[in-house]
Amino acid sequence: MTAIDIAPLRQRAPRGSRTVSQAFFAALEAIPEARRQEVAKAAQAAIREELKVKHRKQPPARRRVIDGR
């Protein structure tokens, strides 16, 4: 991808996304190189699961607003 291709992707990211991703990668730097990939995959899975749980706990009306339906 060129800089032109990447620009629209950055514009669509919600506010705060960059801060969160930078914190994730900064924390990952503290992990030894040999285990870094394994830890990253596990952390992503845990984050994904936590978001699913929080999404399920929301009332249906709130979910429609977030999902855009």
N, C-alpha and C. Protein backbone atom coordinates (compact mmCIF):
# COMPACT_ATOMS: atom_id res chain seq x y z
N MET A 1 0.84 -1.19 0.00
CA MET A 1 0.00 0.00 0.00
C MET A 1 0.88 1.25 0.00
N THR A 2 0.43 2.23 -0.70
CA THR A 2 1.15 3.50 -0.71
C THR A 2 0.54 4.41 0.34
N ALA A 3 1.16 5.55 0.55
CA ALA A 3 0.64 6.51 1.52
C ALA A 3 -0.76 6.96 1.13
N ILE A 4 -1.03 7.02 -0.16
CA ILE A 4 -2.36 7.44 -0.62
C ILE A 4 -3.39 6.37 -0.25
N ASP A 5 -3.03 5.09 -0.36
CA ASP A 5 -3.96 4.02 -0.03
C ASP A 5 -4.23 3.94 1.47
N ILE A 6 -3.25 4.26 2.28
CA ILE A 6 -3.37 4.15 3.73
C ILE A 6 -4.17 5.31 4.33
N ALA A 7 -4.09 6.48 3.74
CA ALA A 7 -4.74 7.67 4.30
C ALA A 7 -6.22 7.48 4.60
N PRO A 8 -7.03 6.92 3.69
CA PRO A 8 -8.46 6.74 4.01
C PRO A 8 -8.69 5.80 5.18
N LEU A 9 -7.83 4.80 5.35
CA LEU A 9 -7.99 3.88 6.47
C LEU A 9 -7.79 4.60 7.79
N ARG A 10 -6.82 5.48 7.85
CA ARG A 10 -6.55 6.23 9.08
C ARG A 10 -7.69 7.19 9.40
N GLN A 11 -8.31 7.74 8.40
CA GLN A 11 -9.41 8.68 8.62
C GLN A 11 -10.63 7.98 9.21
N ARG A 12 -10.82 6.70 8.91
CA ARG A 12 -11.99 5.98 9.38
C ARG A 12 -11.83 5.43 10.79
N ALA A 13 -10.63 5.37 11.31
CA ALA A 13 -10.42 4.81 12.65
C ALA A 13 -11.02 5.74 13.70
N PRO A 14 -11.74 5.18 14.66
CA PRO A 14 -12.33 6.00 15.71
C PRO A 14 -11.26 6.70 16.55
N ARG A 15 -11.64 7.80 17.14
CA ARG A 15 -10.74 8.56 18.00
C ARG A 15 -10.25 7.66 19.15
N GLY A 16 -8.97 7.67 19.39
CA GLY A 16 -8.39 6.88 20.46
C GLY A 16 -7.79 5.56 19.99
N SER A 17 -8.08 5.16 18.76
CA SER A 17 -7.57 3.89 18.23
C SER A 17 -6.05 3.88 18.18
N ARG A 18 -5.49 4.97 17.77
CA ARG A 18 -4.02 5.03 17.66
C ARG A 18 -3.37 4.88 19.03
N THR A 19 -3.92 5.53 20.02
CA THR A 19 -3.38 5.45 21.38
C THR A 19 -3.42 4.03 21.90
N VAL A 20 -4.54 3.35 21.67
CA VAL A 20 -4.70 1.98 22.14
C VAL A 20 -3.71 1.05 21.42
N SER A 21 -3.60 1.20 20.11
CA SER A 21 -2.68 0.32 19.38
C SER A 21 -1.23 0.59 19.77
N GLN A 22 -0.87 1.84 20.00
CA GLN A 22 0.49 2.16 20.44
C GLN A 22 0.78 1.55 21.81
N ALA A 23 -0.19 1.61 22.72
CA ALA A 23 -0.02 1.02 24.04
C ALA A 23 0.15 -0.50 23.94
N PHE A 24 -0.63 -1.12 23.05
CA PHE A 24 -0.54 -2.57 22.85
C PHE A 24 0.87 -2.95 22.39
N PHE A 25 1.37 -2.25 21.38
CA PHE A 25 2.70 -2.58 20.86
C PHE A 25 3.81 -2.21 21.84
N ALA A 26 3.63 -1.17 22.61
CA ALA A 26 4.63 -0.82 23.63
C ALA A 26 4.70 -1.92 24.69
N ALA A 27 3.55 -2.42 25.10
CA ALA A 27 3.53 -3.50 26.08
C ALA A 27 4.12 -4.78 25.49
N LEU A 28 3.88 -5.00 24.22
CA LEU A 28 4.40 -6.19 23.56
C LEU A 28 5.93 -6.17 23.47
N GLU A 29 6.49 -4.98 23.40
CA GLU A 29 7.96 -4.84 23.35
C GLU A 29 8.63 -5.38 24.61
N ALA A 30 7.90 -5.39 25.73
CA ALA A 30 8.45 -5.87 26.99
C ALA A 30 8.51 -7.40 27.05
N ILE A 31 7.85 -8.05 26.11
CA ILE A 31 7.82 -9.51 26.07
C ILE A 31 9.05 -10.02 25.31
N PRO A 32 9.70 -11.07 25.80
CA PRO A 32 10.85 -11.63 25.08
C PRO A 32 10.47 -12.03 23.64
N GLU A 33 11.36 -11.79 22.71
CA GLU A 33 11.11 -12.03 21.29
C GLU A 33 10.60 -13.45 21.02
N ALA A 34 11.12 -14.42 21.72
CA ALA A 34 10.75 -15.82 21.49
C ALA A 34 9.27 -16.09 21.76
N ARG A 35 8.66 -15.34 22.66
CA ARG A 35 7.26 -15.57 23.04
C ARG A 35 6.32 -14.48 22.52
N ARG A 36 6.84 -13.47 21.88
CA ARG A 36 6.06 -12.29 21.49
C ARG A 36 4.86 -12.63 20.61
N GLN A 37 5.05 -13.46 19.59
CA GLN A 37 3.95 -13.79 18.68
C GLN A 37 2.84 -14.54 19.42
N GLU A 38 3.22 -15.48 20.25
CA GLU A 38 2.26 -16.26 21.03
C GLU A 38 1.45 -15.35 21.97
N VAL A 39 2.15 -14.45 22.64
CA VAL A 39 1.49 -13.53 23.57
C VAL A 39 0.56 -12.58 22.82
N ALA A 40 1.00 -12.08 21.66
CA ALA A 40 0.17 -11.17 20.88
C ALA A 40 -1.13 -11.83 20.45
N LYS A 41 -1.05 -13.07 19.97
CA LYS A 41 -2.26 -13.79 19.55
C LYS A 41 -3.20 -14.02 20.73
N ALA A 42 -2.64 -14.40 21.87
CA ALA A 42 -3.47 -14.63 23.06
C ALA A 42 -4.12 -13.34 23.53
N ALA A 43 -3.38 -12.24 23.49
CA ALA A 43 -3.93 -10.95 23.91
C ALA A 43 -5.04 -10.51 22.97
N GLN A 44 -4.85 -10.68 21.68
CA GLN A 44 -5.89 -10.31 20.72
C GLN A 44 -7.15 -11.14 20.93
N ALA A 45 -7.00 -12.42 21.18
CA ALA A 45 -8.14 -13.28 21.44
C ALA A 45 -8.88 -12.85 22.71
N ALA A 46 -8.12 -12.51 23.75
CA ALA A 46 -8.74 -12.07 25.01
C ALA A 46 -9.48 -10.75 24.81
N ILE A 47 -8.90 -9.83 24.07
CA ILE A 47 -9.55 -8.55 23.80
C ILE A 47 -10.84 -8.77 23.01
N ARG A 48 -10.75 -9.60 21.98
CA ARG A 48 -11.93 -9.90 21.15
C ARG A 48 -13.05 -10.50 22.00
N GLU A 49 -12.71 -11.44 22.87
CA GLU A 49 -13.71 -12.09 23.72
C GLU A 49 -14.33 -11.09 24.69
N GLU A 50 -13.51 -10.24 25.28
CA GLU A 50 -14.02 -9.24 26.22
C GLU A 50 -14.99 -8.28 25.52
N LEU A 51 -14.67 -7.89 24.30
CA LEU A 51 -15.56 -7.01 23.55
C LEU A 51 -16.88 -7.71 23.23
N LYS A 52 -16.83 -8.99 22.91
CA LYS A 52 -18.06 -9.75 22.64
C LYS A 52 -18.93 -9.81 23.89
N VAL A 53 -18.31 -10.05 25.04
CA VAL A 53 -19.06 -10.13 26.30
C VAL A 53 -19.72 -8.78 26.60
N LYS A 54 -18.97 -7.70 26.44
CA LYS A 54 -19.54 -6.37 26.69
C LYS A 54 -20.66 -6.06 25.72
N HIS A 55 -20.52 -6.49 24.47
CA HIS A 55 -21.54 -6.25 23.46
C HIS A 55 -22.82 -7.01 23.81
N ARG A 56 -22.69 -8.25 24.28
CA ARG A 56 -23.86 -9.05 24.66
C ARG A 56 -24.60 -8.45 25.86
N LYS A 57 -23.88 -7.77 26.74
CA LYS A 57 -24.49 -7.20 27.94
C LYS A 57 -25.28 -5.93 27.66
N GLN A 58 -25.06 -5.32 26.50
CA GLN A 58 -25.76 -4.08 26.17
C GLN A 58 -27.22 -4.38 25.84
N PRO A 59 -28.12 -3.45 26.18
CA PRO A 59 -29.52 -3.63 25.80
C PRO A 59 -29.65 -3.62 24.28
N PRO A 60 -30.64 -4.33 23.72
CA PRO A 60 -30.80 -4.41 22.27
C PRO A 60 -30.88 -3.05 21.56
N ALA A 61 -31.54 -2.08 22.15
CA ALA A 61 -31.65 -0.76 21.51
C ALA A 61 -30.28 -0.12 21.35
N ARG A 62 -29.44 -0.24 22.33
CA ARG A 62 -28.08 0.32 22.27
C ARG A 62 -27.25 -0.40 21.20
N ARG A 63 -27.42 -1.72 21.10
CA ARG A 63 -26.68 -2.49 20.10
C ARG A 63 -27.03 -2.04 18.70
N ARG A 64 -28.31 -1.73 18.45
CA ARG A 64 -28.72 -1.29 17.12
C ARG A 64 -28.03 0.01 16.74
N VAL A 65 -27.91 0.92 17.69
CA VAL A 65 -27.26 2.19 17.42
C VAL A 65 -25.80 1.97 17.08
N ILE A 66 -25.12 1.12 17.82
CA ILE A 66 -23.70 0.86 17.59
C ILE A 66 -23.49 0.11 16.30
N ASP A 67 -24.32 -0.90 16.03
CA ASP A 67 -24.16 -1.70 14.82
C ASP A 67 -24.64 -0.98 13.57
N GLY A 68 -25.40 0.10 13.74
CA GLY A 68 -25.88 0.86 12.61
C GLY A 68 -27.10 0.25 11.95
N ARG A 69 -27.85 -0.54 12.65
CA ARG A 69 -29.05 -1.16 12.07
C ARG A 69 -30.29 -0.40 12.45
